[in-house]
Amino acid sequence: MSRYRNELPQLRGGLFLTDGGIDTDLIFNHGIEIREFATHTLLSDAAGRRAVADYFRPYLALADEIGAGFILNGQTWKAHTWWAADLGSNEGELRRANEDSIAFVAQLRDEFAANEQPIVLNGIIGPRGDSYSPSTEFTAHQAEEYHVQQVGWLAATEVDMVTAATFGRAEEAMGIVRAAGAAALPIVVSFTVDAGGALPSGRPLAEAIQKVDEGTSRAAAYFMVNCAHPDHFFHLLGDSAWAGRIRGIRCNASRLGHAELDQRETLDDGDPAELAASYAELRERMPWLVVFGGCCGTDLRHVTEIARVLSDRGEAVAEGLERRPR
């Protein structure tokens, strides 16, 4: 049974961590091959399950150490039918992958039941196709019809929420928000941006958030930004109504753009202390931010440094929520 689906605890404020870039960490730092960059494939054997569990346990321990909540992500980003041919999977196998992934992280939550703050189970849903190079246009209605399948699979599990992660089109985000609403499942939209601060589709971040809110009656629980370095978008954020809808960030360690990162054969893991300092600066500017983690190139070192600088600033987040622009 879902624990927090009817009332997400992060909406009340506080500090919530999530993990870093699981794919890049396991591949580059641990030498673990991930087929088609689809991390749910690791759960098909004992060694892979052990690797994923060993990856998450230190993050859950870190959250408890600093008294933070934790958003615990299922490995479901590519577990939808767009990738079926690449993965050699059928619809039934992908449905079972979603179910198994949430059951797996639910067991991890049980393992850390003594944590003081909530652990929220989150199903990650990736875009249809390559969000970094959006070549196929489709409407919000088409996106809703497509994503309703995986949303339904996840809604039948004990997941608390879903996140549309690394989305590059406002229309697709609008469609998946509508699909989640029909399933009575809380959803977060996490956009990615390029080095200029716009979505890969070319739409400005502010316009994308406003368009999704207008087309869904503000049905998304909140928005995030992921898979971009702070330098790519921090200058856009501040005391504005659309920025007040952003409640979390998961940044890349590297300042390189998406195309440059795709061409690299080695990992650019940046500077954990520098990344954390950027997070602290943004939280001072936007004290309503609640959820913090990493994306490509980040690992436990980065999130530990982020946790250190943010937790040292006390528990002023609840006050920050009152200051959030409406």
Protein backbone atom coordinates (compact mmCIF):
# COMPACT_ATOMS: atom_id res chain seq x y z
CA MET A 1 0.00 0.00 0.00
CA SER A 2 1.21 3.51 -0.80
CA ARG A 3 2.36 5.45 2.25
CA TYR A 4 2.43 9.10 1.12
CA ARG A 5 0.44 9.24 -2.12
CA ASN A 6 -2.34 11.30 -0.55
CA GLU A 7 0.00 13.77 1.16
CA LEU A 8 3.59 14.16 -0.06
CA PRO A 9 5.68 15.12 2.98
CA GLN A 10 8.09 17.30 0.98
CA LEU A 11 5.21 19.68 0.25
CA ARG A 12 5.30 20.62 3.93
CA GLY A 13 8.91 21.80 3.66
CA GLY A 14 12.02 20.47 5.35
CA LEU A 15 15.08 19.09 3.61
CA PHE A 16 14.89 16.07 1.29
CA LEU A 17 17.82 14.43 -0.43
CA THR A 18 17.78 12.14 -3.41
CA ASP A 19 20.62 10.26 -5.08
CA GLY A 20 23.14 11.27 -7.74
CA GLY A 21 23.70 9.96 -11.24
CA ILE A 22 23.19 6.26 -10.74
CA ASP A 23 23.91 5.33 -14.36
CA THR A 24 27.17 7.26 -14.73
CA ASP A 25 28.30 6.26 -11.23
CA LEU A 26 27.79 2.53 -11.75
CA ILE A 27 29.22 2.56 -15.27
CA PHE A 28 32.29 4.78 -14.82
CA ASN A 29 33.12 4.43 -11.11
CA HIS A 30 32.18 0.77 -10.57
CA GLY A 31 32.69 -0.76 -13.99
CA ILE A 32 29.14 -2.12 -14.17
CA GLU A 33 27.68 -2.42 -17.66
CA ILE A 34 24.11 -1.14 -18.03
CA ARG A 35 22.36 -2.34 -21.15
CA GLU A 36 21.06 0.59 -23.21
CA PHE A 37 21.50 2.86 -20.17
CA ALA A 38 18.37 1.23 -18.74
CA THR A 39 19.11 0.64 -15.07
CA HIS A 40 16.04 -1.52 -14.49
CA THR A 41 17.85 -4.26 -16.44
CA LEU A 42 20.24 -4.67 -13.50
CA LEU A 43 17.41 -6.01 -11.34
CA SER A 44 17.13 -9.17 -13.43
CA ASP A 45 19.93 -10.96 -11.56
CA ALA A 46 21.36 -11.14 -8.06
CA ALA A 47 24.59 -9.28 -8.85
CA GLY A 48 22.73 -6.38 -10.39
CA ARG A 49 20.27 -6.14 -7.51
CA ARG A 50 23.17 -6.14 -5.07
CA ALA A 51 24.87 -3.33 -7.01
CA VAL A 52 21.74 -1.15 -6.97
CA ALA A 53 21.09 -1.81 -3.28
CA ASP A 54 24.72 -1.05 -2.39
CA TYR A 55 24.44 2.16 -4.38
CA PHE A 56 21.38 3.43 -2.48
CA ARG A 57 22.25 2.37 1.07
CA PRO A 58 24.85 5.10 1.74
CA TYR A 59 22.44 7.78 0.49
CA LEU A 60 19.72 6.54 2.83
CA ALA A 61 22.22 6.49 5.70
CA LEU A 62 23.35 10.03 4.82
CA ALA A 63 19.78 11.30 4.90
CA ASP A 64 19.28 9.81 8.34
CA GLU A 65 22.58 11.23 9.56
CA ILE A 66 21.56 14.81 8.79
CA GLY A 67 17.88 14.37 9.63
CA ALA A 68 16.64 14.77 6.06
CA GLY A 69 13.90 12.98 4.20
CA PHE A 70 14.75 11.00 1.09
CA ILE A 71 13.16 10.59 -2.35
CA LEU A 72 13.93 6.96 -3.24
CA ASN A 73 13.75 6.40 -6.98
CA GLY A 74 12.68 3.26 -8.77
CA GLN A 75 14.77 2.42 -11.82
CA THR A 76 11.98 2.86 -14.34
CA TRP A 77 13.19 5.77 -16.52
CA LYS A 78 13.44 3.61 -19.65
CA ALA A 79 10.93 0.92 -18.69
CA HIS A 80 8.32 1.99 -21.23
CA THR A 81 7.47 0.76 -24.69
CA TRP A 82 9.37 3.36 -26.72
CA TRP A 83 12.53 1.46 -25.76
CA ALA A 84 11.09 -2.05 -26.15
CA ALA A 85 12.87 -2.79 -29.44
CA ASP A 86 16.24 -1.50 -28.21
CA LEU A 87 15.91 -3.57 -25.04
CA GLY A 88 14.48 -6.66 -26.73
CA SER A 89 11.55 -6.50 -24.31
CA ASN A 90 7.82 -6.95 -24.74
CA GLU A 91 5.01 -5.11 -22.99
CA GLY A 92 4.57 -7.76 -20.30
CA GLU A 93 8.27 -7.70 -19.44
CA LEU A 94 8.28 -3.92 -19.16
CA ARG A 95 5.25 -3.96 -16.89
CA ARG A 96 6.95 -6.50 -14.64
CA ALA A 97 10.09 -4.35 -14.65
CA ASN A 98 8.11 -1.41 -13.26
CA GLU A 99 6.46 -3.57 -10.62
CA ASP A 100 9.72 -5.24 -9.64
CA SER A 101 11.59 -1.95 -9.41
CA ILE A 102 9.10 -0.40 -7.01
CA ALA A 103 8.95 -3.59 -4.94
CA PHE A 104 12.75 -3.51 -4.78
CA VAL A 105 13.00 0.06 -3.47
CA ALA A 106 10.10 -0.62 -1.09
CA GLN A 107 12.25 -3.34 0.47
CA LEU A 108 15.09 -0.83 0.82
CA ARG A 109 12.72 1.58 2.54
CA ASP A 110 11.77 -1.16 4.97
CA GLU A 111 15.46 -1.79 5.62
CA PHE A 112 15.81 1.87 6.67
CA ALA A 113 12.54 2.05 8.60
CA ALA A 114 14.38 3.60 11.55
CA ASN A 115 15.16 6.75 9.58
CA GLU A 116 13.71 9.72 11.42
CA GLN A 117 12.33 11.49 8.33
CA PRO A 118 10.09 10.14 5.53
CA ILE A 119 11.38 8.02 2.65
CA VAL A 120 9.17 8.66 -0.39
CA LEU A 121 8.97 6.06 -3.16
CA ASN A 122 9.20 7.69 -6.57
CA GLY A 123 8.70 6.14 -9.99
CA ILE A 124 10.90 7.80 -12.61
CA ILE A 125 9.41 8.12 -16.10
CA GLY A 126 11.58 9.21 -19.00
CA PRO A 127 10.48 10.95 -22.18
CA ARG A 128 9.38 9.26 -25.36
CA GLY A 129 12.55 9.33 -27.44
CA ASP A 130 15.69 11.41 -26.97
CA SER A 131 14.84 14.46 -24.91
CA TYR A 132 18.18 16.08 -25.79
CA SER A 133 17.42 16.02 -29.53
CA PRO A 134 13.64 16.36 -29.88
CA SER A 135 13.11 15.52 -33.54
CA THR A 136 9.53 14.21 -33.40
CA GLU A 137 6.74 16.63 -32.56
CA PHE A 138 3.62 15.32 -30.85
CA THR A 139 0.72 16.88 -29.04
CA ALA A 140 -0.14 16.86 -25.36
CA HIS A 141 -3.02 14.51 -26.17
CA GLN A 142 -0.70 12.07 -27.94
CA ALA A 143 1.71 12.25 -25.00
CA GLU A 144 -1.10 11.52 -22.56
CA GLU A 145 -2.21 8.51 -24.60
CA TYR A 146 1.36 7.20 -24.66
CA HIS A 147 2.35 7.74 -21.03
CA VAL A 148 -0.95 6.55 -19.52
CA GLN A 149 0.31 2.98 -19.85
CA GLN A 150 3.41 3.29 -17.65
CA VAL A 151 1.63 5.65 -15.27
CA GLY A 152 -1.02 2.97 -14.85
CA TRP A 153 1.57 0.27 -14.22
CA LEU A 154 3.17 2.39 -11.50
CA ALA A 155 -0.15 3.46 -9.98
CA ALA A 156 -0.90 -0.20 -9.29
CA THR A 157 2.23 -0.49 -7.11
CA GLU A 158 2.90 1.03 -3.68
CA VAL A 159 4.74 3.99 -5.23
CA ASP A 160 3.99 7.36 -3.60
CA MET A 161 4.57 9.56 -6.65
CA VAL A 162 6.10 9.70 -10.10
CA THR A 163 8.53 12.12 -11.69
CA ALA A 164 8.65 12.92 -15.39
CA ALA A 165 12.43 13.28 -15.52
CA THR A 166 14.68 14.88 -18.11
CA PHE A 167 11.76 16.10 -20.19
CA GLY A 168 12.57 18.48 -23.03
CA ARG A 169 9.10 19.33 -24.38
CA ALA A 170 6.33 21.21 -22.58
CA GLU A 171 3.67 19.38 -24.61
CA GLU A 172 4.90 15.98 -23.47
CA ALA A 173 5.05 17.15 -19.88
CA MET A 174 1.49 18.43 -20.14
CA GLY A 175 0.32 15.05 -21.44
CA ILE A 176 1.97 13.00 -18.70
CA VAL A 177 0.63 15.33 -15.99
CA ARG A 178 -2.86 14.70 -17.32
CA ALA A 179 -2.22 10.93 -17.37
CA ALA A 180 -1.06 11.01 -13.75
CA GLY A 181 -4.07 13.07 -12.74
CA ALA A 182 -6.42 10.50 -14.24
CA ALA A 183 -4.66 7.84 -12.15
CA ALA A 184 -4.81 9.99 -8.98
CA LEU A 185 -1.02 9.76 -8.77
CA PRO A 186 1.03 12.81 -7.67
CA ILE A 187 3.50 13.87 -10.35
CA VAL A 188 6.55 16.12 -10.50
CA VAL A 189 7.87 17.46 -13.81
CA SER A 190 11.65 17.78 -14.06
CA PHE A 191 12.79 19.65 -17.16
CA THR A 192 16.27 19.53 -18.61
CA VAL A 193 17.80 22.61 -20.23
CA ASP A 194 20.71 23.26 -22.55
CA ALA A 195 23.70 25.50 -21.86
CA GLY A 196 21.65 28.58 -22.70
CA GLY A 197 18.92 27.78 -20.19
CA ALA A 198 16.20 26.77 -22.66
CA LEU A 199 14.67 23.33 -23.09
CA PRO A 200 16.13 21.23 -25.94
CA SER A 201 12.94 22.09 -27.87
CA GLY A 202 14.03 25.73 -27.71
CA ARG A 203 11.25 26.83 -25.36
CA PRO A 204 12.40 28.99 -22.41
CA LEU A 205 12.14 27.28 -19.02
CA ALA A 206 9.75 29.90 -17.64
CA GLU A 207 7.44 29.53 -20.62
CA ALA A 208 7.50 25.72 -20.37
CA ILE A 209 6.47 25.72 -16.70
CA GLN A 210 3.75 28.28 -17.34
CA LYS A 211 2.42 26.34 -20.33
CA VAL A 212 2.20 23.08 -18.37
CA ASP A 213 0.48 24.79 -15.46
CA GLU A 214 -1.99 26.54 -17.74
CA GLY A 215 -2.78 23.35 -19.64
CA THR A 216 -3.29 21.21 -16.53
CA SER A 217 -4.79 23.63 -13.98
CA ARG A 218 -1.52 23.46 -11.97
CA ALA A 219 -1.95 19.72 -11.47
CA ALA A 220 1.76 18.98 -11.09
CA ALA A 221 2.82 18.82 -7.44
CA TYR A 222 5.87 20.93 -8.33
CA PHE A 223 8.66 21.24 -10.88
CA MET A 224 12.37 20.44 -10.85
CA VAL A 225 15.36 20.91 -13.14
CA ASN A 226 17.78 18.07 -13.81
CA CYS A 227 20.62 17.00 -16.10
CA ALA A 228 22.14 20.47 -16.48
CA HIS A 229 24.95 22.29 -14.69
CA PRO A 230 23.90 25.13 -12.36
CA ASP A 231 25.62 27.64 -14.63
CA HIS A 232 23.17 26.73 -17.40
CA PHE A 233 20.05 27.94 -15.62
CA PHE A 234 20.70 29.51 -12.21
CA HIS A 235 20.71 33.00 -13.73
CA LEU A 236 17.08 32.47 -14.77
CA LEU A 237 15.79 31.71 -11.30
CA GLY A 238 14.70 33.99 -8.54
CA ASP A 239 11.70 35.73 -7.05
CA SER A 240 9.08 35.13 -9.76
CA ALA A 241 5.81 33.20 -9.79
CA TRP A 242 7.01 30.55 -12.25
CA ALA A 243 10.24 30.00 -10.30
CA GLY A 244 8.13 29.53 -7.18
CA ARG A 245 6.83 26.32 -8.74
CA ILE A 246 10.34 24.81 -8.71
CA ARG A 247 10.97 22.83 -5.54
CA GLY A 248 14.03 20.74 -6.37
CA ILE A 249 17.20 20.41 -8.45
CA ARG A 250 19.38 17.53 -9.64
CA CYS A 251 22.33 19.04 -11.46
CA ASN A 252 25.15 17.61 -13.55
CA ALA A 253 28.68 17.85 -12.21
CA SER A 254 29.99 18.91 -15.62
CA ARG A 255 29.58 22.31 -17.26
CA LEU A 256 29.53 20.66 -20.69
CA GLY A 257 26.35 20.69 -22.74
CA HIS A 258 24.41 17.57 -23.67
CA ALA A 259 26.05 17.10 -27.06
CA GLU A 260 29.55 17.45 -25.62
CA LEU A 261 28.82 15.02 -22.79
CA ASP A 262 27.48 12.45 -25.26
CA GLN A 263 30.79 12.51 -27.12
CA ARG A 264 33.00 11.99 -24.07
CA GLU A 265 34.44 8.58 -23.30
CA THR A 266 35.53 9.53 -19.78
CA LEU A 267 33.50 10.88 -16.89
CA ASP A 268 33.52 14.59 -16.05
CA ASP A 269 32.74 14.58 -12.36
CA GLY A 270 33.41 18.26 -11.75
CA ASP A 271 34.15 19.59 -8.26
CA PRO A 272 31.79 18.40 -5.48
CA ALA A 273 32.52 21.38 -3.21
CA GLU A 274 31.96 23.87 -6.02
CA LEU A 275 28.69 22.21 -6.99
CA ALA A 276 27.51 22.24 -3.38
CA ALA A 277 28.36 25.94 -3.05
CA SER A 278 26.15 26.64 -6.08
CA TYR A 279 23.29 24.77 -4.43
CA ALA A 280 23.72 26.76 -1.22
CA GLU A 281 23.69 30.03 -3.17
CA LEU A 282 20.51 29.11 -4.98
CA ARG A 283 18.76 27.97 -1.82
CA GLU A 284 19.51 31.34 -0.24
CA ARG A 285 17.90 32.99 -3.26
CA MET A 286 15.00 30.49 -3.41
CA PRO A 287 14.45 29.23 0.16
CA TRP A 288 11.35 27.26 -0.90
CA LEU A 289 13.59 24.65 -2.58
CA VAL A 290 13.26 21.36 -0.74
CA VAL A 291 14.61 18.42 -2.82
CA PHE A 292 18.30 18.16 -3.70
CA GLY A 293 20.31 15.50 -5.52
CA GLY A 294 22.60 15.07 -8.50
CA CYS A 295 22.49 13.87 -12.08
CA CYS A 296 25.12 12.84 -14.65
CA GLY A 297 28.65 12.71 -13.26
CA THR A 298 27.60 13.05 -9.62
CA ASP A 299 27.90 10.40 -6.94
CA LEU A 300 27.82 10.07 -3.16
CA ARG A 301 30.69 12.55 -2.79
CA HIS A 302 28.69 15.32 -4.43
CA VAL A 303 25.46 14.65 -2.54
CA THR A 304 27.37 14.37 0.76
CA GLU A 305 28.90 17.80 0.17
CA ILE A 306 25.49 19.20 -0.83
CA ALA A 307 23.94 17.72 2.34
CA ARG A 308 26.69 19.22 4.45
CA VAL A 309 26.31 22.80 3.21
CA LEU A 310 22.52 22.70 3.22
CA SER A 311 22.05 21.08 6.61
CA ASP A 312 24.48 23.59 8.14
CA ARG A 313 22.00 26.28 7.24
CA GLY A 314 19.44 24.96 9.70
CA GLU A 315 15.75 24.33 9.19
CA ALA A 316 14.67 27.63 7.65
CA VAL A 317 12.96 25.94 4.72
CA ALA A 318 9.48 26.03 6.25
CA GLU A 319 9.81 29.80 6.54
CA GLY A 320 11.04 29.88 2.94
CA LEU A 321 7.88 28.16 1.77
CA GLU A 322 5.88 31.09 3.12
CA ARG A 323 8.04 33.43 1.05
CA ARG A 324 7.52 31.45 -2.16
CA PRO A 325 6.01 33.63 -4.91
CA ARG A 326 2.51 32.56 -5.97
